[in-house]
C-alpha atoms as a PDB file:
ATOM      1  CA  MET A   1      86.839  81.125 118.371  1.00  0.00           C
ATOM      2  CA  LYS A   2      89.222  78.676 116.750  1.00  0.00           C
ATOM      3  CA  ASN A   3      86.655  77.978 114.033  1.00  0.00           C
ATOM      4  CA  ILE A   4      86.520  81.661 113.062  1.00  0.00           C
ATOM      5  CA  GLU A   5      90.315  81.905 112.985  1.00  0.00           C
ATOM      6  CA  GLN A   6      90.539  78.876 110.712  1.00  0.00           C
ATOM      7  CA  PHE A   7      87.853  80.316 108.440  1.00  0.00           C
ATOM      8  CA  PHE A   8      89.647  83.663 108.049  1.00  0.00           C
ATOM      9  CA  SER A   9      92.999  81.949 107.613  1.00  0.00           C
ATOM     10  CA  LYS A  10      91.619  79.767 104.847  1.00  0.00           C
ATOM     11  CA  LEU A  11      89.848  82.767 103.289  1.00  0.00           C
ATOM     12  CA  LEU A  12      93.075  84.806 103.216  1.00  0.00           C
ATOM     13  CA  ASP A  13      95.013  81.875 101.768  1.00  0.00           C
ATOM     14  CA  ASN A  14      92.464  81.398  98.997  1.00  0.00           C
ATOM     15  CA  LEU A  15      92.284  85.130  98.291  1.00  0.00           C
ATOM     16  CA  SER A  16      96.047  85.527  98.070  1.00  0.00           C
ATOM     17  CA  GLU A  17      96.274  82.452  95.834  1.00  0.00           C
ATOM     18  CA  TYR A  18      93.602  83.908  93.533  1.00  0.00           C
ATOM     19  CA  LEU A  19      95.125  87.389  93.392  1.00  0.00           C
ATOM     20  CA  ALA A  20      98.678  86.128  92.890  1.00  0.00           C
ATOM     21  CA  ASN A  21      97.721  84.947  89.407  1.00  0.00           C
ATOM     22  CA  ARG A  22      95.660  88.077  88.635  1.00  0.00           C
ATOM     23  CA  LYS A  23      97.863  90.963  89.749  1.00  0.00           C
ATOM     24  CA  GLY A  24      96.045  93.637  87.757  1.00  0.00           C
ATOM     25  CA  LEU A  25      92.526  92.798  88.882  1.00  0.00           C
ATOM     26  CA  VAL A  26      92.329  95.030  91.959  1.00  0.00           C
ATOM     27  CA  PRO A  27      93.773  98.150  90.239  1.00  0.00           C
ATOM     28  CA  LEU A  28      91.403  97.508  87.340  1.00  0.00           C
ATOM     29  CA  ILE A  29      88.456  97.445  89.741  1.00  0.00           C
ATOM     30  CA  GLY A  30      89.681 100.744  91.217  1.00  0.00           C
ATOM     31  CA  ALA A  31      89.937 102.305  87.763  1.00  0.00           C
ATOM     32  CA  GLY A  32      86.442 101.040  86.997  1.00  0.00           C
ATOM     33  CA  LEU A  33      85.103 102.768  90.105  1.00  0.00           C
ATOM     34  CA  VAL A  34      86.746 106.038  89.004  1.00  0.00           C
ATOM     35  CA  VAL A  35      85.190 105.749  85.545  1.00  0.00           C
ATOM     36  CA  LEU A  36      81.822 104.885  87.081  1.00  0.00           C
ATOM     37  CA  ASN A  37      82.075 108.025  89.209  1.00  0.00           C
ATOM     38  CA  LEU A  38      82.734 110.091  86.079  1.00  0.00           C
ATOM     39  CA  ILE A  39      79.726 108.582  84.331  1.00  0.00           C
ATOM     40  CA  LEU A  40      77.513 109.271  87.346  1.00  0.00           C
ATOM     41  CA  ASP A  41      78.763 112.867  87.519  1.00  0.00           C
ATOM     42  CA  LEU A  42      77.900 113.448  83.876  1.00  0.00           C
ATOM     43  CA  THR A  43      74.520 111.735  83.873  1.00  0.00           C
ATOM     44  CA  ALA A  44      73.075 112.362  87.342  1.00  0.00           C
ATOM     45  CA  PRO A  45      74.755 115.350  89.032  1.00  0.00           C
ATOM     46  CA  ALA A  46      72.299 115.520  91.956  1.00  0.00           C
ATOM     47  CA  THR A  47      72.881 112.069  93.474  1.00  0.00           C
ATOM     48  CA  PHE A  48      74.674 111.230  96.697  1.00  0.00           C
ATOM     49  CA  PHE A  49      77.532 109.493  94.883  1.00  0.00           C
ATOM     50  CA  SER A  50      78.259 112.405  92.587  1.00  0.00           C
ATOM     51  CA  SER A  51      77.981 115.097  95.248  1.00  0.00           C
ATOM     52  CA  THR A  52      80.385 113.324  97.615  1.00  0.00           C
ATOM     53  CA  ASP A  53      82.625 111.699  94.959  1.00  0.00           C
ATOM     54  CA  LEU A  54      82.449 108.545  97.041  1.00  0.00           C
ATOM     55  CA  LEU A  55      83.198 106.208  94.145  1.00  0.00           C
ATOM     56  CA  LEU A  56      86.137 108.379  93.049  1.00  0.00           C
ATOM     57  CA  GLN A  57      87.731 108.280  96.476  1.00  0.00           C
ATOM     58  CA  LEU A  58      87.018 104.590  96.931  1.00  0.00           C
ATOM     59  CA  GLY A  59      88.379 103.824  93.457  1.00  0.00           C
ATOM     60  CA  VAL A  60      91.638 105.657  94.086  1.00  0.00           C
ATOM     61  CA  ILE A  61      92.135 103.887  97.414  1.00  0.00           C
ATOM     62  CA  VAL A  62      91.362 100.471  95.889  1.00  0.00           C
ATOM     63  CA  ALA A  63      93.722 101.123  92.962  1.00  0.00           C
ATOM     64  CA  ILE A  64      96.602 102.191  95.226  1.00  0.00           C
ATOM     65  CA  LEU A  65      96.091  99.190  97.493  1.00  0.00           C
ATOM     66  CA  GLY A  66      95.907  96.985  94.418  1.00  0.00           C
ATOM     67  CA  PHE A  67      99.259  98.239  93.136  1.00  0.00           C
ATOM     68  CA  LEU A  68     100.830  97.694  96.564  1.00  0.00           C
ATOM     69  CA  LEU A  69      99.308  94.231  96.800  1.00  0.00           C
ATOM     70  CA  ALA A  70     100.482  93.296  93.310  1.00  0.00           C
ATOM     71  CA  ARG A  71     103.996  94.377  94.218  1.00  0.00           C
ATOM     72  CA  ALA A  72     103.937  92.270  97.392  1.00  0.00           C
ATOM     73  CA  LEU A  73     102.591  89.158  95.657  1.00  0.00           C
END
């Protein structure tokens, strides 16, 4: 159990260190998901992703969390 806690602690430390220097990366990934959803809607309107707008919703959530994370770091 202690091994798993140390692994996640180290993972979070490394992730926060990486994202502290790249504050716009997570919102950019979210915007990319939104654009990818638009492209899928225009090219393949009968797929699961375009009918549920899964990438759009995921992209908006990732972008908002990215802005909040950038503000905190």
